[in-house]
Amino acid sequence: MKRLTAILFMCSLAQSAQSQDGWQPLFNGKNLQGWRVLNGSAEFRVEAGEIIGVSTLNTPNTFLATEKDYGDFVLEYEVQMDRDLNSGVQIRSLSLPEYQNGRVHGYQIELDASARAWSGGIYDEARRGWLYNLECNPAAKSAYKPEGWNKFRVEAIGNQIRVWLNGVPTADVIDDMTACGFIALQVHSIGDDQTKAGKAVRFRNLRIKTTNLGAEQLPATRDIPQISYLTNQLTEREKSEGWQLLWDGKSTQGWRGAKLEHFPEKGWKIENGVLTVMKGSGGESTQGGDIVTTAKYKNFELEADFKLTKGANSGIKYFVDPDLNKGEGSAIGCEYQLLDDEHHPDAKLGANGNRTLASLYDLIPADAKFYAPNESMSKRVNQYEWNRAKIIVNGSHVQHFLNGIKVVEYERGTQMWRALVARSKYVVWPNFGELAEGHILLQDHGDEVAFRNIRIKRLQP
């Protein structure tokens, strides 16, 4: 608490000392006065009005951080990076002794020269991982210029962070985890890769403005998606786009037991904005039982944050007909699998991995081919922390996303669909997965799994 209070105090001091037009240089062009090196041992030096970071073997990520902390601001800078490197600029970041022995953590504006092309995205360094990758904004992938200088603009105002790269809008995030912190330049770790040693990332024309930001702020745009991480809240833009909270974060309104006329009296807990299915025997629907929405949905975009416990199994089902299965076990519908792949045996059952996390359970595996190059499934998952599931249904076309990356895509009702069903456990259910509309379900599979930020937008077909 003392550290956070000090940070906020330093933010207020930083915002009080401004030039006449409000812009202040972050770098004096001569030396590294006002900066400090954190975490690694890569070299930073000054040449010809540039800060140059040099990739170094066998050192962790190295950061050159401002001694001052900043809260709300507009930041501009230019970067030029040698090929095969990765870098970024931290904003509102911290290095606290109690957090992983001082490891730098916080928002990072990505600099990515790889085929993935996510420059201008927002990564949460040493914390939650990707908050805004450019798979949701493919037009921005071409904004980065591998040769020459690239100009970034970052607006961090209130709980919104927006980024432009060479004039192209690349990211728009709403998040309230960290309101103030230092700015830092990154030299990414290269491990023992000799081919990357001695290469450089160069920074110049770093400047910041912390006053009169309303006049400086660029106009709002809907040209790119906005992604929010507020807990059980909708942004004004989300409301205008038709999003609704499917769970209000505090009550059972809109939900009931899949085989009940009311919400289960045991097996589920609501606490601190989190809906949790409690640990049971590990069997299907044997504790409190599955819960379903009271409403039915046809064409929609559904998002839900989930947190698994070790060895946990659960699922998010859609096109659910609670009347199909009146006996033991779970209600029947298409299932976005929630599973601890490493510690639950179901991951190795089924066929070709079609029971692993984010798969269409027992039918279609979550496929790494949808991922950007060199990004594995495991790298995308925050084990035992919050992850985000997304399901988009438009007519017969369905997609699954995990933490912003598409992992499943299919068409219902086709010959291929029916062939998949015929080889699955669902063959006993006539016309499985072909309902015109159905309920949304959260599964009780006897393991503790938490949910929050459950929201839905009805789509026009």
Protein backbone atom coordinates (compact mmCIF):
# COMPACT_ATOMS: atom_id res chain seq x y z
CA MET A 1 0.00 0.00 0.00
CA LYS A 2 2.83 2.43 0.86
CA ARG A 3 4.46 1.73 -2.50
CA LEU A 4 1.20 2.35 -4.40
CA THR A 5 0.60 5.58 -2.46
CA ALA A 6 4.11 6.75 -3.36
CA ILE A 7 3.50 5.90 -7.02
CA LEU A 8 0.33 7.99 -7.12
CA PHE A 9 2.16 10.88 -5.43
CA MET A 10 4.96 10.73 -8.01
CA CYS A 11 2.36 10.67 -10.78
CA SER A 12 0.88 13.91 -9.50
CA LEU A 13 4.35 15.49 -9.35
CA ALA A 14 5.14 14.38 -12.90
CA GLN A 15 1.93 15.94 -14.14
CA SER A 16 2.62 19.29 -12.44
CA ALA A 17 5.87 20.14 -14.26
CA GLN A 18 5.09 20.84 -17.91
CA SER A 19 6.37 22.97 -20.74
CA GLN A 20 4.15 25.67 -22.20
CA ASP A 21 2.47 23.39 -24.75
CA GLY A 22 2.24 20.51 -22.28
CA TRP A 23 4.70 18.19 -24.06
CA GLN A 24 7.83 17.08 -22.19
CA PRO A 25 10.79 15.08 -23.55
CA LEU A 26 11.36 11.77 -21.80
CA PHE A 27 14.95 11.60 -23.08
CA ASN A 28 17.44 14.48 -23.16
CA GLY A 29 19.23 13.13 -26.25
CA LYS A 30 22.61 13.04 -24.48
CA ASN A 31 22.61 10.47 -21.67
CA LEU A 32 20.37 8.19 -19.62
CA GLN A 33 19.72 10.67 -16.83
CA GLY A 34 16.25 9.97 -15.41
CA TRP A 35 16.33 6.30 -16.42
CA ARG A 36 17.32 3.06 -14.65
CA VAL A 37 17.97 -0.51 -15.83
CA LEU A 38 15.78 -3.28 -14.38
CA ASN A 39 15.74 -7.09 -14.38
CA GLY A 40 18.36 -7.97 -17.02
CA SER A 41 21.86 -7.04 -18.13
CA ALA A 42 21.41 -6.13 -21.80
CA GLU A 43 23.26 -2.96 -22.78
CA PHE A 44 21.59 0.42 -23.25
CA ARG A 45 23.63 3.31 -24.64
CA VAL A 46 23.11 6.71 -26.23
CA GLU A 47 24.31 7.58 -29.74
CA ALA A 48 23.34 10.45 -32.03
CA GLY A 49 20.25 11.33 -30.01
CA GLU A 50 19.02 7.76 -29.86
CA ILE A 51 18.67 5.23 -27.04
CA ILE A 52 20.05 1.94 -28.32
CA GLY A 53 19.29 -1.38 -26.64
CA VAL A 54 21.51 -4.31 -27.60
CA SER A 55 20.39 -7.95 -27.46
CA THR A 56 22.56 -9.97 -25.10
CA LEU A 57 22.98 -13.70 -24.60
CA ASN A 58 21.64 -15.47 -21.52
CA THR A 59 19.95 -12.60 -19.73
CA PRO A 60 16.24 -12.17 -18.99
CA ASN A 61 14.21 -9.34 -20.48
CA THR A 62 15.96 -6.06 -19.71
CA PHE A 63 14.10 -2.80 -19.19
CA LEU A 64 15.27 0.80 -19.22
CA ALA A 65 12.68 2.47 -16.98
CA THR A 66 11.86 6.07 -16.20
CA GLU A 67 12.54 7.11 -12.61
CA LYS A 68 9.21 8.93 -12.65
CA ASP A 69 5.79 7.31 -12.71
CA TYR A 70 2.97 8.40 -14.99
CA GLY A 71 -0.80 7.97 -14.78
CA ASP A 72 -2.88 9.60 -17.54
CA PHE A 73 -0.87 10.70 -20.55
CA VAL A 74 -0.32 10.79 -24.28
CA LEU A 75 3.02 9.26 -25.25
CA GLU A 76 4.79 9.40 -28.60
CA TYR A 77 8.02 7.72 -29.66
CA GLU A 78 9.81 6.29 -32.69
CA VAL A 79 11.43 2.86 -32.93
CA GLN A 80 13.69 1.09 -35.38
CA MET A 81 14.52 -2.58 -34.75
CA ASP A 82 16.87 -5.07 -36.36
CA ARG A 83 15.21 -8.09 -37.92
CA ASP A 84 14.54 -11.22 -35.83
CA LEU A 85 14.17 -9.23 -32.59
CA ASN A 86 11.18 -8.51 -30.39
CA SER A 87 10.73 -5.49 -28.16
CA GLY A 88 8.15 -3.18 -26.68
CA VAL A 89 7.47 -0.19 -24.47
CA GLN A 90 6.05 -0.64 -20.99
CA ILE A 91 3.48 1.85 -19.67
CA ARG A 92 1.91 2.09 -16.20
CA SER A 93 4.33 -0.64 -15.15
CA LEU A 94 5.71 -1.65 -11.77
CA SER A 95 8.70 -3.39 -10.23
CA LEU A 96 7.73 -4.31 -6.68
CA PRO A 97 9.94 -6.39 -4.37
CA GLU A 98 6.95 -8.49 -3.32
CA TYR A 99 6.06 -9.33 -6.95
CA GLN A 100 8.36 -12.05 -8.28
CA ASN A 101 11.40 -10.41 -6.69
CA GLY A 102 10.94 -7.12 -8.49
CA ARG A 103 10.08 -8.47 -11.94
CA VAL A 104 8.78 -5.75 -14.24
CA HIS A 105 5.07 -6.20 -14.89
CA GLY A 106 2.39 -4.18 -16.58
CA TYR A 107 1.09 -3.03 -19.94
CA GLN A 108 3.43 -3.36 -22.91
CA ILE A 109 2.97 -1.82 -26.35
CA GLU A 110 4.27 -4.61 -28.56
CA LEU A 111 7.01 -4.32 -31.20
CA ASP A 112 6.93 -7.49 -33.29
CA ALA A 113 8.98 -8.03 -36.44
CA SER A 114 7.95 -11.68 -36.83
CA ALA A 115 5.46 -13.14 -39.32
CA ARG A 116 2.86 -12.88 -36.56
CA ALA A 117 2.91 -9.08 -37.06
CA TRP A 118 1.35 -7.93 -33.78
CA SER A 119 3.19 -4.61 -33.47
CA GLY A 120 0.95 -2.12 -31.72
CA GLY A 121 -0.90 -4.78 -29.76
CA ILE A 122 -1.05 -4.69 -25.96
CA TYR A 123 0.60 -7.37 -23.85
CA ASP A 124 0.43 -7.61 -20.06
CA GLU A 125 4.05 -8.37 -19.22
CA ALA A 126 4.63 -10.98 -16.49
CA ARG A 127 0.96 -10.93 -15.57
CA ARG A 128 -2.01 -11.85 -17.81
CA GLY A 129 -0.41 -12.13 -21.23
CA TRP A 130 -2.09 -10.79 -24.36
CA LEU A 131 -4.84 -8.26 -23.80
CA TYR A 132 -5.13 -7.15 -27.42
CA ASN A 133 -3.54 -9.14 -30.23
CA LEU A 134 -3.92 -8.13 -33.84
CA GLU A 135 -5.89 -11.18 -34.92
CA CYS A 136 -8.96 -9.10 -34.10
CA ASN A 137 -7.57 -6.17 -36.12
CA PRO A 138 -5.85 -7.72 -39.16
CA ALA A 139 -5.77 -4.46 -41.11
CA ALA A 140 -3.23 -3.14 -38.58
CA LYS A 141 -0.77 -5.98 -39.20
CA SER A 142 0.75 -4.13 -42.13
CA ALA A 143 1.32 -0.89 -40.20
CA TYR A 144 4.80 -1.87 -38.98
CA LYS A 145 7.69 -1.08 -41.36
CA PRO A 146 10.53 -3.62 -40.99
CA GLU A 147 12.96 -1.11 -42.46
CA GLY A 148 13.17 2.43 -41.15
CA TRP A 149 11.54 4.21 -38.24
CA ASN A 150 8.08 3.49 -36.85
CA LYS A 151 6.08 6.11 -34.95
CA PHE A 152 3.88 5.06 -32.03
CA ARG A 153 1.24 7.08 -30.25
CA VAL A 154 -0.25 5.82 -26.97
CA GLU A 155 -3.20 7.43 -25.18
CA ALA A 156 -3.59 6.13 -21.63
CA ILE A 157 -6.48 8.13 -20.19
CA GLY A 158 -8.59 6.79 -17.35
CA ASN A 159 -9.22 3.09 -17.89
CA GLN A 160 -8.73 3.25 -21.66
CA ILE A 161 -5.50 2.57 -23.55
CA ARG A 162 -5.44 3.29 -27.29
CA VAL A 163 -2.50 2.78 -29.65
CA TRP A 164 -1.60 4.01 -33.14
CA LEU A 165 1.33 2.81 -35.25
CA ASN A 166 2.35 5.01 -38.16
CA GLY A 167 -1.08 6.62 -38.00
CA VAL A 168 -2.97 3.31 -38.05
CA PRO A 169 -5.15 2.49 -34.99
CA THR A 170 -3.90 -0.83 -33.62
CA ALA A 171 -5.42 -1.38 -30.16
CA ASP A 172 -8.23 -0.18 -27.89
CA VAL A 173 -8.33 -1.71 -24.39
CA ILE A 174 -10.50 -0.90 -21.38
CA ASP A 175 -8.87 -2.11 -18.16
CA ASP A 176 -8.52 -0.90 -14.58
CA MET A 177 -5.78 -3.12 -13.14
CA THR A 178 -3.02 -0.47 -13.00
CA ALA A 179 -3.61 3.28 -13.05
CA CYS A 180 -0.06 4.55 -12.77
CA GLY A 181 3.53 3.38 -13.17
CA PHE A 182 6.78 3.89 -15.02
CA ILE A 183 7.50 3.82 -18.74
CA ALA A 184 10.21 1.40 -19.86
CA LEU A 185 11.99 0.35 -23.04
CA GLN A 186 12.50 -3.38 -23.50
CA VAL A 187 15.34 -5.47 -24.86
CA HIS A 188 13.77 -8.91 -25.11
CA SER A 189 15.61 -12.00 -23.94
CA ILE A 190 17.24 -14.05 -26.73
CA GLY A 191 18.37 -16.97 -24.55
CA ASP A 192 21.47 -18.56 -26.04
CA ASP A 193 20.59 -17.80 -29.69
CA GLN A 194 23.90 -16.63 -31.15
CA THR A 195 22.21 -15.44 -34.36
CA LYS A 196 20.38 -12.70 -32.45
CA ALA A 197 23.25 -11.51 -30.27
CA GLY A 198 24.44 -7.94 -30.71
CA LYS A 199 21.41 -6.74 -32.64
CA ALA A 200 19.82 -3.43 -31.77
CA VAL A 201 16.50 -1.75 -31.09
CA ARG A 202 16.64 2.05 -31.31
CA PHE A 203 14.34 4.64 -29.72
CA ARG A 204 14.14 8.37 -30.41
CA ASN A 205 11.83 11.39 -30.11
CA LEU A 206 10.26 10.15 -26.88
CA ARG A 207 7.85 12.73 -25.51
CA ILE A 208 4.90 12.77 -23.13
CA LYS A 209 1.97 15.02 -22.30
CA THR A 210 0.05 14.73 -19.02
CA THR A 211 -2.15 17.86 -18.95
CA ASN A 212 -5.06 19.14 -21.06
CA LEU A 213 -5.47 15.61 -22.44
CA GLY A 214 -9.05 16.14 -23.57
CA ALA A 215 -7.84 18.58 -26.21
CA GLU A 216 -5.01 16.26 -27.23
CA GLN A 217 -7.08 13.07 -27.39
CA LEU A 218 -7.83 11.79 -30.87
CA PRO A 219 -11.50 11.28 -31.81
CA ALA A 220 -13.16 8.00 -30.85
CA THR A 221 -13.35 5.44 -33.64
CA ARG A 222 -15.25 2.22 -34.21
CA ASP A 223 -12.90 1.16 -36.98
CA ILE A 224 -11.28 -1.40 -34.69
CA PRO A 225 -12.70 -3.62 -31.93
CA GLN A 226 -12.65 -2.45 -28.34
CA ILE A 227 -11.77 -5.12 -25.77
CA SER A 228 -12.77 -4.64 -22.14
CA TYR A 229 -11.48 -6.37 -19.01
CA LEU A 230 -13.76 -4.60 -16.54
CA THR A 231 -15.41 -7.05 -14.15
CA ASN A 232 -19.09 -7.68 -14.87
CA GLN A 233 -19.46 -4.25 -16.47
CA LEU A 234 -20.22 -3.07 -19.98
CA THR A 235 -18.56 -0.07 -21.56
CA GLU A 236 -20.68 2.59 -23.22
CA ARG A 237 -19.51 1.36 -26.59
CA GLU A 238 -20.45 -2.23 -25.75
CA LYS A 239 -23.91 -1.14 -24.69
CA SER A 240 -24.37 0.77 -27.93
CA GLU A 241 -23.29 -2.30 -29.89
CA GLY A 242 -25.94 -4.46 -28.27
CA TRP A 243 -23.95 -6.34 -25.63
CA GLN A 244 -25.81 -7.47 -22.50
CA LEU A 245 -24.56 -9.03 -19.29
CA LEU A 246 -25.72 -12.63 -19.27
CA TRP A 247 -24.90 -12.74 -15.55
CA ASP A 248 -25.18 -9.57 -13.45
CA GLY A 249 -22.30 -10.47 -11.12
CA LYS A 250 -24.37 -10.68 -7.95
CA SER A 251 -27.59 -12.68 -8.30
CA THR A 252 -29.09 -15.76 -9.94
CA GLN A 253 -31.35 -13.67 -12.15
CA GLY A 254 -31.66 -15.13 -15.66
CA TRP A 255 -30.41 -18.59 -14.67
CA ARG A 256 -31.93 -21.83 -13.38
CA GLY A 257 -30.92 -25.43 -12.92
CA ALA A 258 -30.91 -27.36 -16.19
CA LYS A 259 -33.29 -29.90 -14.64
CA LEU A 260 -34.95 -27.52 -12.20
CA GLU A 261 -37.41 -24.66 -12.32
CA HIS A 262 -35.18 -22.63 -10.01
CA PHE A 263 -31.48 -22.05 -9.35
CA PRO A 264 -29.75 -24.95 -7.54
CA GLU A 265 -29.80 -24.66 -3.77
CA LYS A 266 -26.31 -26.12 -3.46
CA GLY A 267 -23.20 -26.64 -5.54
CA TRP A 268 -22.87 -23.04 -6.82
CA LYS A 269 -21.49 -19.97 -5.06
CA ILE A 270 -21.69 -16.25 -5.84
CA GLU A 271 -19.03 -14.17 -4.14
CA ASN A 272 -17.11 -10.99 -5.00
CA GLY A 273 -18.40 -10.88 -8.55
CA VAL A 274 -17.49 -14.49 -9.29
CA LEU A 275 -19.84 -17.39 -10.04
CA THR A 276 -18.26 -20.70 -8.97
CA VAL A 277 -19.33 -24.28 -9.44
CA MET A 278 -18.05 -26.03 -6.32
CA LYS A 279 -15.91 -29.13 -5.98
CA GLY A 280 -17.91 -32.34 -5.89
CA SER A 281 -17.32 -35.98 -6.70
CA GLY A 282 -15.95 -35.33 -10.20
CA GLY A 283 -19.06 -36.71 -11.89
CA GLU A 284 -21.39 -34.99 -14.33
CA SER A 285 -24.14 -32.93 -12.72
CA THR A 286 -23.88 -34.71 -9.36
CA GLN A 287 -23.38 -31.70 -7.06
CA GLY A 288 -25.66 -28.74 -7.77
CA GLY A 289 -26.16 -29.71 -11.39
CA ASP A 290 -25.73 -27.68 -14.57
CA ILE A 291 -27.25 -24.22 -14.83
CA VAL A 292 -28.85 -22.75 -17.97
CA THR A 293 -30.09 -19.36 -19.09
CA THR A 294 -33.82 -18.86 -18.81
CA ALA A 295 -33.73 -17.34 -22.30
CA LYS A 296 -32.89 -19.08 -25.56
CA TYR A 297 -30.41 -17.79 -28.14
CA LYS A 298 -30.07 -18.30 -31.88
CA ASN A 299 -27.42 -16.09 -33.46
CA PHE A 300 -25.01 -14.60 -30.94
CA GLU A 301 -21.55 -13.68 -29.78
CA LEU A 302 -20.89 -15.01 -26.27
CA GLU A 303 -17.92 -14.22 -24.01
CA ALA A 304 -17.07 -15.62 -20.59
CA ASP A 305 -13.98 -15.46 -18.43
CA PHE A 306 -13.17 -18.73 -16.66
CA LYS A 307 -10.63 -19.93 -14.12
CA LEU A 308 -9.84 -23.61 -13.71
CA THR A 309 -8.50 -25.35 -10.65
CA LYS A 310 -5.93 -28.12 -10.97
CA GLY A 311 -7.35 -31.13 -12.79
CA ALA A 312 -10.71 -29.43 -13.40
CA ASN A 313 -13.30 -30.32 -16.02
CA SER A 314 -16.30 -28.21 -17.05
CA GLY A 315 -17.82 -26.71 -20.15
CA ILE A 316 -19.87 -23.96 -21.74
CA LYS A 317 -22.69 -25.43 -23.80
CA TYR A 318 -24.93 -23.80 -26.38
CA PHE A 319 -27.99 -24.92 -28.35
CA VAL A 320 -28.96 -26.79 -25.19
CA ASP A 321 -32.35 -28.51 -24.88
CA PRO A 322 -32.73 -29.38 -21.18
CA ASP A 323 -35.59 -31.75 -22.00
CA LEU A 324 -33.40 -34.06 -24.08
CA ASN A 325 -31.75 -35.76 -21.12
CA LYS A 326 -34.00 -36.33 -18.12
CA GLY A 327 -31.74 -38.99 -16.65
CA GLU A 328 -28.30 -38.84 -15.06
CA GLY A 329 -25.50 -36.71 -16.43
CA SER A 330 -25.31 -33.34 -18.11
CA ALA A 331 -27.87 -31.62 -20.31
CA ILE A 332 -27.26 -32.02 -24.04
CA GLY A 333 -25.82 -29.37 -26.34
CA CYS A 334 -22.70 -28.31 -28.24
CA GLU A 335 -19.86 -27.84 -25.76
CA TYR A 336 -16.91 -25.49 -25.56
CA GLN A 337 -14.67 -27.71 -23.47
CA LEU A 338 -13.10 -26.32 -20.29
CA LEU A 339 -10.34 -28.64 -19.10
CA ASP A 340 -6.99 -28.71 -17.38
CA ASP A 341 -5.36 -30.61 -20.25
CA GLU A 342 -2.22 -31.36 -18.26
CA HIS A 343 -3.88 -33.00 -15.28
CA HIS A 344 -7.26 -34.34 -16.39
CA PRO A 345 -7.36 -37.73 -18.18
CA ASP A 346 -10.14 -36.63 -20.56
CA ALA A 347 -7.56 -34.69 -22.57
CA LYS A 348 -6.16 -37.97 -23.86
CA LEU A 349 -9.54 -39.56 -24.62
CA GLY A 350 -11.80 -39.00 -27.60
CA ALA A 351 -10.09 -38.67 -30.99
CA ASN A 352 -7.19 -36.44 -32.06
CA GLY A 353 -7.46 -34.19 -29.02
CA ASN A 354 -11.13 -33.33 -29.43
CA ARG A 355 -11.67 -33.24 -25.68
CA THR A 356 -8.98 -30.68 -24.89
CA LEU A 357 -9.46 -27.07 -23.78
CA ALA A 358 -11.56 -24.91 -26.16
CA SER A 359 -12.40 -27.88 -28.40
CA LEU A 360 -15.92 -28.62 -29.57
CA TYR A 361 -16.15 -31.48 -27.11
CA ASP A 362 -15.85 -34.96 -28.63
CA LEU A 363 -16.22 -33.57 -32.14
CA ILE A 364 -13.56 -31.05 -33.26
CA PRO A 365 -10.19 -30.38 -31.54
CA ALA A 366 -8.96 -26.89 -30.81
CA ASP A 367 -6.53 -26.55 -33.69
CA ALA A 368 -3.14 -24.86 -33.45
CA LYS A 369 -3.24 -24.06 -37.18
CA PHE A 370 -5.45 -21.07 -36.38
CA TYR A 371 -2.71 -19.69 -34.14
CA ALA A 372 -0.15 -17.19 -35.25
CA PRO A 373 3.25 -18.67 -36.19
CA ASN A 374 5.30 -20.14 -33.35
CA GLU A 375 2.54 -19.67 -30.77
CA SER A 376 1.60 -22.93 -29.04
CA MET A 377 -1.69 -23.70 -27.32
CA SER A 378 0.00 -23.89 -23.92
CA LYS A 379 1.50 -20.43 -24.36
CA ARG A 380 -2.00 -19.03 -24.79
CA VAL A 381 -3.38 -20.35 -21.49
CA ASN A 382 -2.94 -18.68 -18.10
CA GLN A 383 -2.91 -21.83 -15.99
CA TYR A 384 -5.22 -21.55 -12.97
CA GLU A 385 -5.76 -17.86 -13.72
CA TRP A 386 -8.44 -16.08 -15.73
CA ASN A 387 -8.83 -16.94 -19.42
CA ARG A 388 -11.45 -15.81 -21.92
CA ALA A 389 -13.71 -18.04 -23.99
CA LYS A 390 -15.64 -16.68 -26.96
CA ILE A 391 -18.26 -18.43 -29.08
CA ILE A 392 -19.71 -16.86 -32.23
CA VAL A 393 -22.76 -18.43 -33.85
CA ASN A 394 -24.21 -16.97 -37.03
CA GLY A 395 -26.66 -19.31 -38.70
CA SER A 396 -24.93 -22.63 -39.17
CA HIS A 397 -21.45 -21.10 -38.88
CA VAL A 398 -19.75 -21.45 -35.47
CA GLN A 399 -16.36 -20.34 -34.13
CA HIS A 400 -14.55 -20.90 -30.82
CA PHE A 401 -11.90 -18.47 -29.56
CA LEU A 402 -9.48 -18.83 -26.65
CA ASN A 403 -7.91 -15.63 -25.31
CA GLY A 404 -8.60 -13.83 -28.57
CA ILE A 405 -7.38 -16.54 -30.95
CA LYS A 406 -9.71 -18.60 -33.13
CA VAL A 407 -9.24 -22.32 -32.44
CA VAL A 408 -12.37 -24.00 -33.87
CA GLU A 409 -14.52 -23.23 -36.91
CA TYR A 410 -17.30 -25.37 -38.35
CA GLU A 411 -20.70 -25.54 -40.03
CA ARG A 412 -23.62 -27.24 -38.36
CA GLY A 413 -26.06 -29.42 -40.27
CA THR A 414 -23.76 -30.37 -43.13
CA GLN A 415 -22.81 -33.84 -44.31
CA MET A 416 -19.43 -33.43 -42.57
CA TRP A 417 -21.16 -32.36 -39.36
CA ARG A 418 -23.40 -35.40 -39.33
CA ALA A 419 -20.44 -37.68 -40.02
CA LEU A 420 -18.63 -36.20 -36.98
CA VAL A 421 -21.70 -36.70 -34.80
CA ALA A 422 -22.05 -40.30 -36.02
CA ARG A 423 -18.57 -41.07 -34.65
CA SER A 424 -19.14 -39.32 -31.31
CA LYS A 425 -20.95 -39.95 -28.04
CA TYR A 426 -23.78 -37.77 -29.38
CA VAL A 427 -24.89 -40.26 -32.02
CA VAL A 428 -27.68 -41.41 -29.69
CA TRP A 429 -29.31 -37.96 -29.78
CA PRO A 430 -31.33 -37.38 -32.99
CA ASN A 431 -30.32 -34.28 -34.99
CA PHE A 432 -27.73 -33.35 -32.37
CA GLY A 433 -26.52 -29.75 -32.62
CA GLU A 434 -29.09 -28.72 -35.21
CA LEU A 435 -31.56 -26.84 -33.03
CA ALA A 436 -32.57 -23.44 -34.39
CA GLU A 437 -32.12 -21.96 -30.90
CA GLY A 438 -31.30 -23.13 -27.40
CA HIS A 439 -30.15 -22.29 -23.91
CA ILE A 440 -26.60 -21.40 -22.78
CA LEU A 441 -25.28 -23.77 -20.09
CA LEU A 442 -22.49 -23.75 -17.49
CA GLN A 443 -21.55 -27.27 -16.54
CA ASP A 444 -21.23 -28.93 -13.16
CA HIS A 445 -18.70 -31.70 -13.75
CA GLY A 446 -17.77 -32.12 -10.10
CA ASP A 447 -14.74 -29.83 -10.20
CA GLU A 448 -14.30 -26.25 -9.01
CA VAL A 449 -14.38 -23.75 -11.87
CA ALA A 450 -15.06 -20.01 -11.64
CA PHE A 451 -16.81 -17.70 -14.11
CA ARG A 452 -17.23 -13.95 -14.52
CA ASN A 453 -17.77 -11.37 -17.28
CA ILE A 454 -20.43 -13.53 -18.91
CA ARG A 455 -21.95 -11.44 -21.68
CA ILE A 456 -23.78 -11.90 -24.96
CA LYS A 457 -24.69 -9.97 -28.08
CA ARG A 458 -27.50 -11.15 -30.30
CA LEU A 459 -26.55 -11.10 -33.98
CA GLN A 460 -28.61 -10.59 -37.08
CA PRO A 461 -28.13 -13.61 -39.36
